[in-house]
Amino acid sequence: MLFAERSVEQGVTVFHPDVVQQAAQINGLKRVEGQVRSAIRMIEDHQLDIDVLNQLKAAQVALRTIERQILSEHVRTHIKNAVQSPSEESLNQKIGELLHLLERFPT
């Protein structure tokens, strides 16, 4: 996924939506990182198993959310471009790629 750099229009800094999305994904991954580190500390401190499981589930949910965002963006850009392409081979390749992704990352 490519992210545009910020641009300045009429003296105001404007961020391309992809830059905002990238920042949100990075923040989400940092949150997951914190949740995993917290789970490690909880295990080291012999905290209740249910609390550790809750922390791990929160990290899994956050990762799935980020996966869906990235997959959605992939479909919006790459698949859309393939559909608009005059090449049937390109379209079939992208359809196969999409089906493979849907198998690997069920929603």
N, C-alpha and C. Protein backbone atom coordinates (compact mmCIF):
# COMPACT_ATOMS: atom_id res chain seq x y z
N MET A 1 0.84 -1.16 0.00
CA MET A 1 0.00 0.00 0.00
C MET A 1 0.89 1.22 0.00
N LEU A 2 0.67 2.16 -0.88
CA LEU A 2 1.47 3.37 -0.94
C LEU A 2 0.75 4.49 -0.22
N PHE A 3 1.52 5.29 0.46
CA PHE A 3 0.96 6.40 1.20
C PHE A 3 1.55 7.69 0.66
N ALA A 4 0.67 8.62 0.35
CA ALA A 4 1.13 9.89 -0.18
C ALA A 4 1.72 10.74 0.93
N GLU A 5 2.62 11.62 0.55
CA GLU A 5 3.18 12.54 1.52
C GLU A 5 2.23 13.71 1.68
N ARG A 6 2.45 14.44 2.76
CA ARG A 6 1.58 15.59 2.97
C ARG A 6 1.90 16.67 1.95
N SER A 7 0.93 17.51 1.67
CA SER A 7 1.13 18.61 0.74
C SER A 7 0.62 19.89 1.39
N VAL A 8 1.13 21.00 0.91
CA VAL A 8 0.71 22.29 1.47
C VAL A 8 -0.12 23.00 0.42
N GLU A 9 -1.33 23.34 0.80
CA GLU A 9 -2.23 24.05 -0.09
C GLU A 9 -2.68 25.33 0.60
N GLN A 10 -2.45 26.44 -0.02
CA GLN A 10 -2.84 27.75 0.49
C GLN A 10 -2.35 27.96 1.93
N GLY A 11 -1.11 27.55 2.21
CA GLY A 11 -0.53 27.78 3.52
C GLY A 11 -0.99 26.82 4.60
N VAL A 12 -1.82 25.84 4.26
CA VAL A 12 -2.34 24.89 5.23
C VAL A 12 -1.82 23.50 4.86
N THR A 13 -1.33 22.79 5.85
CA THR A 13 -0.86 21.43 5.60
C THR A 13 -2.06 20.50 5.51
N VAL A 14 -2.15 19.78 4.40
CA VAL A 14 -3.25 18.86 4.17
C VAL A 14 -2.66 17.45 4.05
N PHE A 15 -3.18 16.51 4.83
CA PHE A 15 -2.70 15.15 4.76
C PHE A 15 -3.60 14.33 3.86
N HIS A 16 -2.99 13.58 2.99
CA HIS A 16 -3.72 12.67 2.12
C HIS A 16 -4.40 11.63 3.00
N PRO A 17 -5.60 11.19 2.66
CA PRO A 17 -6.28 10.17 3.49
C PRO A 17 -5.45 8.93 3.77
N ASP A 18 -4.59 8.54 2.83
CA ASP A 18 -3.75 7.36 3.06
C ASP A 18 -2.77 7.58 4.20
N VAL A 19 -2.30 8.81 4.37
CA VAL A 19 -1.37 9.12 5.45
C VAL A 19 -2.10 9.00 6.79
N VAL A 20 -3.32 9.48 6.83
CA VAL A 20 -4.13 9.38 8.05
C VAL A 20 -4.40 7.92 8.37
N GLN A 21 -4.74 7.15 7.35
CA GLN A 21 -5.01 5.72 7.54
C GLN A 21 -3.75 4.99 8.00
N GLN A 22 -2.62 5.32 7.43
CA GLN A 22 -1.36 4.70 7.83
C GLN A 22 -1.07 5.01 9.30
N ALA A 23 -1.26 6.24 9.72
CA ALA A 23 -1.03 6.61 11.11
C ALA A 23 -1.96 5.85 12.04
N ALA A 24 -3.21 5.68 11.65
CA ALA A 24 -4.17 4.93 12.47
C ALA A 24 -3.75 3.47 12.59
N GLN A 25 -3.28 2.89 11.49
CA GLN A 25 -2.84 1.49 11.53
C GLN A 25 -1.60 1.33 12.41
N ILE A 26 -0.68 2.25 12.31
CA ILE A 26 0.53 2.18 13.15
C ILE A 26 0.15 2.35 14.62
N ASN A 27 -0.74 3.29 14.92
CA ASN A 27 -1.18 3.47 16.30
C ASN A 27 -1.87 2.21 16.81
N GLY A 28 -2.68 1.59 15.97
CA GLY A 28 -3.34 0.34 16.36
C GLY A 28 -2.35 -0.77 16.66
N LEU A 29 -1.31 -0.87 15.83
CA LEU A 29 -0.30 -1.90 16.05
C LEU A 29 0.52 -1.62 17.32
N LYS A 30 0.75 -0.35 17.59
CA LYS A 30 1.45 -0.01 18.84
C LYS A 30 0.59 -0.35 20.05
N ARG A 31 -0.72 -0.17 19.91
CA ARG A 31 -1.64 -0.54 20.99
C ARG A 31 -1.59 -2.05 21.22
N VAL A 32 -1.57 -2.82 20.13
CA VAL A 32 -1.46 -4.27 20.22
C VAL A 32 -0.15 -4.65 20.91
N GLU A 33 0.91 -3.98 20.51
CA GLU A 33 2.21 -4.24 21.12
C GLU A 33 2.14 -4.02 22.64
N GLY A 34 1.48 -2.95 23.05
CA GLY A 34 1.32 -2.67 24.47
C GLY A 34 0.48 -3.74 25.17
N GLN A 35 -0.56 -4.22 24.49
CA GLN A 35 -1.40 -5.26 25.07
C GLN A 35 -0.62 -6.56 25.25
N VAL A 36 0.22 -6.89 24.28
CA VAL A 36 1.02 -8.12 24.38
C VAL A 36 2.05 -7.97 25.50
N ARG A 37 2.69 -6.82 25.57
CA ARG A 37 3.66 -6.59 26.66
C ARG A 37 2.96 -6.67 28.02
N SER A 38 1.77 -6.16 28.08
CA SER A 38 0.99 -6.23 29.32
C SER A 38 0.68 -7.68 29.68
N ALA A 39 0.31 -8.47 28.69
CA ALA A 39 0.02 -9.89 28.93
C ALA A 39 1.27 -10.61 29.44
N ILE A 40 2.42 -10.27 28.89
CA ILE A 40 3.67 -10.88 29.35
C ILE A 40 3.91 -10.53 30.82
N ARG A 41 3.74 -9.26 31.16
CA ARG A 41 3.92 -8.84 32.56
C ARG A 41 2.94 -9.55 33.47
N MET A 42 1.71 -9.70 33.00
CA MET A 42 0.69 -10.36 33.81
C MET A 42 1.08 -11.82 34.10
N ILE A 43 1.61 -12.49 33.09
CA ILE A 43 2.04 -13.88 33.28
C ILE A 43 3.23 -13.91 34.24
N GLU A 44 4.17 -13.00 34.04
CA GLU A 44 5.34 -12.95 34.93
C GLU A 44 4.94 -12.68 36.38
N ASP A 45 3.88 -11.88 36.56
CA ASP A 45 3.41 -11.53 37.91
C ASP A 45 2.40 -12.53 38.46
N HIS A 46 2.16 -13.61 37.73
CA HIS A 46 1.24 -14.67 38.16
C HIS A 46 -0.19 -14.15 38.38
N GLN A 47 -0.63 -13.26 37.49
CA GLN A 47 -2.00 -12.76 37.60
C GLN A 47 -2.98 -13.83 37.10
N LEU A 48 -4.23 -13.57 37.34
CA LEU A 48 -5.28 -14.53 36.99
C LEU A 48 -5.26 -14.84 35.49
N ASP A 49 -5.42 -16.12 35.18
CA ASP A 49 -5.44 -16.56 33.78
C ASP A 49 -6.50 -15.83 32.97
N ILE A 50 -7.67 -15.61 33.56
CA ILE A 50 -8.76 -14.96 32.82
C ILE A 50 -8.38 -13.54 32.42
N ASP A 51 -7.61 -12.86 33.27
CA ASP A 51 -7.16 -11.50 32.94
C ASP A 51 -6.17 -11.53 31.78
N VAL A 52 -5.29 -12.51 31.78
CA VAL A 52 -4.34 -12.66 30.68
C VAL A 52 -5.10 -12.98 29.39
N LEU A 53 -6.06 -13.89 29.47
CA LEU A 53 -6.85 -14.25 28.29
C LEU A 53 -7.61 -13.04 27.74
N ASN A 54 -8.17 -12.23 28.62
CA ASN A 54 -8.87 -11.02 28.18
C ASN A 54 -7.92 -10.07 27.46
N GLN A 55 -6.72 -9.93 27.98
CA GLN A 55 -5.73 -9.06 27.35
C GLN A 55 -5.34 -9.58 25.98
N LEU A 56 -5.14 -10.88 25.87
CA LEU A 56 -4.79 -11.48 24.59
C LEU A 56 -5.94 -11.37 23.58
N LYS A 57 -7.16 -11.54 24.05
CA LYS A 57 -8.32 -11.41 23.15
C LYS A 57 -8.42 -9.98 22.61
N ALA A 58 -8.15 -9.00 23.46
CA ALA A 58 -8.18 -7.61 23.01
C ALA A 58 -7.14 -7.38 21.91
N ALA A 59 -5.96 -7.97 22.07
CA ALA A 59 -4.92 -7.83 21.04
C ALA A 59 -5.36 -8.50 19.73
N GLN A 60 -5.98 -9.67 19.83
CA GLN A 60 -6.44 -10.37 18.63
C GLN A 60 -7.50 -9.56 17.88
N VAL A 61 -8.43 -8.99 18.63
CA VAL A 61 -9.50 -8.19 18.00
C VAL A 61 -8.90 -6.97 17.30
N ALA A 62 -7.95 -6.32 17.95
CA ALA A 62 -7.31 -5.16 17.33
C ALA A 62 -6.56 -5.55 16.06
N LEU A 63 -5.85 -6.67 16.09
CA LEU A 63 -5.15 -7.14 14.89
C LEU A 63 -6.12 -7.46 13.76
N ARG A 64 -7.23 -8.09 14.08
CA ARG A 64 -8.22 -8.40 13.04
C ARG A 64 -8.79 -7.12 12.42
N THR A 65 -9.00 -6.11 13.25
CA THR A 65 -9.51 -4.84 12.75
C THR A 65 -8.53 -4.22 11.76
N ILE A 66 -7.26 -4.24 12.10
CA ILE A 66 -6.24 -3.69 11.21
C ILE A 66 -6.14 -4.52 9.93
N GLU A 67 -6.21 -5.85 10.06
CA GLU A 67 -6.19 -6.72 8.87
C GLU A 67 -7.33 -6.35 7.93
N ARG A 68 -8.53 -6.18 8.49
CA ARG A 68 -9.70 -5.85 7.65
C ARG A 68 -9.51 -4.51 6.95
N GLN A 69 -8.94 -3.54 7.65
CA GLN A 69 -8.71 -2.23 7.04
C GLN A 69 -7.74 -2.34 5.86
N ILE A 70 -6.67 -3.10 6.05
CA ILE A 70 -5.68 -3.25 4.99
C ILE A 70 -6.27 -4.03 3.82
N LEU A 71 -7.00 -5.09 4.10
CA LEU A 71 -7.64 -5.87 3.04
C LEU A 71 -8.65 -5.03 2.28
N SER A 72 -9.41 -4.25 3.00
CA SER A 72 -10.41 -3.39 2.37
C SER A 72 -9.74 -2.38 1.44
N GLU A 73 -8.66 -1.78 1.88
CA GLU A 73 -7.94 -0.82 1.05
C GLU A 73 -7.35 -1.51 -0.18
N HIS A 74 -6.85 -2.71 0.01
CA HIS A 74 -6.31 -3.48 -1.12
C HIS A 74 -7.39 -3.72 -2.17
N VAL A 75 -8.54 -4.13 -1.72
CA VAL A 75 -9.64 -4.38 -2.65
C VAL A 75 -10.04 -3.10 -3.36
N ARG A 76 -10.16 -2.02 -2.59
CA ARG A 76 -10.58 -0.75 -3.19
C ARG A 76 -9.62 -0.27 -4.26
N THR A 77 -8.33 -0.45 -4.06
CA THR A 77 -7.38 0.09 -5.03
C THR A 77 -7.01 -0.93 -6.10
N HIS A 78 -6.43 -2.04 -5.71
CA HIS A 78 -5.88 -2.97 -6.69
C HIS A 78 -6.96 -3.71 -7.47
N ILE A 79 -7.97 -4.17 -6.80
CA ILE A 79 -9.03 -4.90 -7.49
C ILE A 79 -9.82 -3.95 -8.39
N LYS A 80 -10.10 -2.77 -7.89
CA LYS A 80 -10.81 -1.77 -8.69
C LYS A 80 -10.03 -1.46 -9.97
N ASN A 81 -8.72 -1.29 -9.84
CA ASN A 81 -7.89 -1.02 -11.02
C ASN A 81 -7.92 -2.18 -12.00
N ALA A 82 -7.91 -3.41 -11.49
CA ALA A 82 -7.95 -4.58 -12.37
C ALA A 82 -9.27 -4.65 -13.11
N VAL A 83 -10.35 -4.32 -12.43
CA VAL A 83 -11.67 -4.34 -13.07
C VAL A 83 -11.72 -3.31 -14.20
N GLN A 84 -11.08 -2.19 -14.00
CA GLN A 84 -11.07 -1.13 -15.01
C GLN A 84 -10.06 -1.40 -16.12
N SER A 85 -9.20 -2.39 -15.91
CA SER A 85 -8.18 -2.73 -16.90
C SER A 85 -8.82 -3.45 -18.08
N PRO A 86 -8.33 -3.19 -19.28
CA PRO A 86 -8.88 -3.91 -20.44
C PRO A 86 -8.38 -5.35 -20.51
N SER A 87 -7.41 -5.72 -19.69
CA SER A 87 -6.83 -7.05 -19.74
C SER A 87 -7.64 -8.04 -18.90
N GLU A 88 -8.21 -9.03 -19.57
CA GLU A 88 -8.96 -10.06 -18.86
C GLU A 88 -8.03 -10.89 -17.98
N GLU A 89 -6.80 -11.08 -18.43
CA GLU A 89 -5.81 -11.83 -17.65
C GLU A 89 -5.54 -11.13 -16.31
N SER A 90 -5.39 -9.82 -16.36
CA SER A 90 -5.16 -9.05 -15.13
C SER A 90 -6.34 -9.16 -14.18
N LEU A 91 -7.53 -9.08 -14.73
CA LEU A 91 -8.75 -9.21 -13.92
C LEU A 91 -8.83 -10.59 -13.27
N ASN A 92 -8.59 -11.64 -14.06
CA ASN A 92 -8.64 -13.00 -13.51
C ASN A 92 -7.58 -13.21 -12.43
N GLN A 93 -6.41 -12.62 -12.63
CA GLN A 93 -5.34 -12.73 -11.64
C GLN A 93 -5.77 -12.07 -10.33
N LYS A 94 -6.36 -10.89 -10.41
CA LYS A 94 -6.78 -10.17 -9.20
C LYS A 94 -7.96 -10.87 -8.52
N ILE A 95 -8.84 -11.46 -9.29
CA ILE A 95 -9.96 -12.21 -8.69
C ILE A 95 -9.40 -13.41 -7.92
N GLY A 96 -8.44 -14.11 -8.52
CA GLY A 96 -7.81 -15.23 -7.83
C GLY A 96 -7.10 -14.77 -6.56
N GLU A 97 -6.43 -13.65 -6.64
CA GLU A 97 -5.74 -13.09 -5.47
C GLU A 97 -6.74 -12.75 -4.37
N LEU A 98 -7.85 -12.14 -4.75
CA LEU A 98 -8.88 -11.78 -3.79
C LEU A 98 -9.47 -13.02 -3.11
N LEU A 99 -9.77 -14.04 -3.91
CA LEU A 99 -10.32 -15.27 -3.33
C LEU A 99 -9.33 -15.91 -2.37
N HIS A 100 -8.06 -15.89 -2.72
CA HIS A 100 -7.02 -16.43 -1.84
C HIS A 100 -6.97 -15.62 -0.53
N LEU A 101 -7.03 -14.31 -0.63
CA LEU A 101 -7.01 -13.47 0.57
C LEU A 101 -8.22 -13.74 1.46
N LEU A 102 -9.38 -13.91 0.85
CA LEU A 102 -10.59 -14.17 1.62
C LEU A 102 -10.51 -15.51 2.34
N GLU A 103 -9.84 -16.48 1.75
CA GLU A 103 -9.65 -17.76 2.41
C GLU A 103 -8.70 -17.62 3.61
N ARG A 104 -7.64 -16.84 3.42
CA ARG A 104 -6.64 -16.67 4.48
C ARG A 104 -7.11 -15.77 5.61
N PHE A 105 -7.94 -14.79 5.27
CA PHE A 105 -8.38 -13.81 6.27
C PHE A 105 -9.90 -13.74 6.30
N PRO A 106 -10.55 -14.78 6.81
CA PRO A 106 -12.02 -14.75 6.86
C PRO A 106 -12.48 -13.64 7.80
N THR A 107 -13.58 -13.04 7.46
CA THR A 107 -14.09 -11.94 8.29
C THR A 107 -15.02 -12.46 9.37
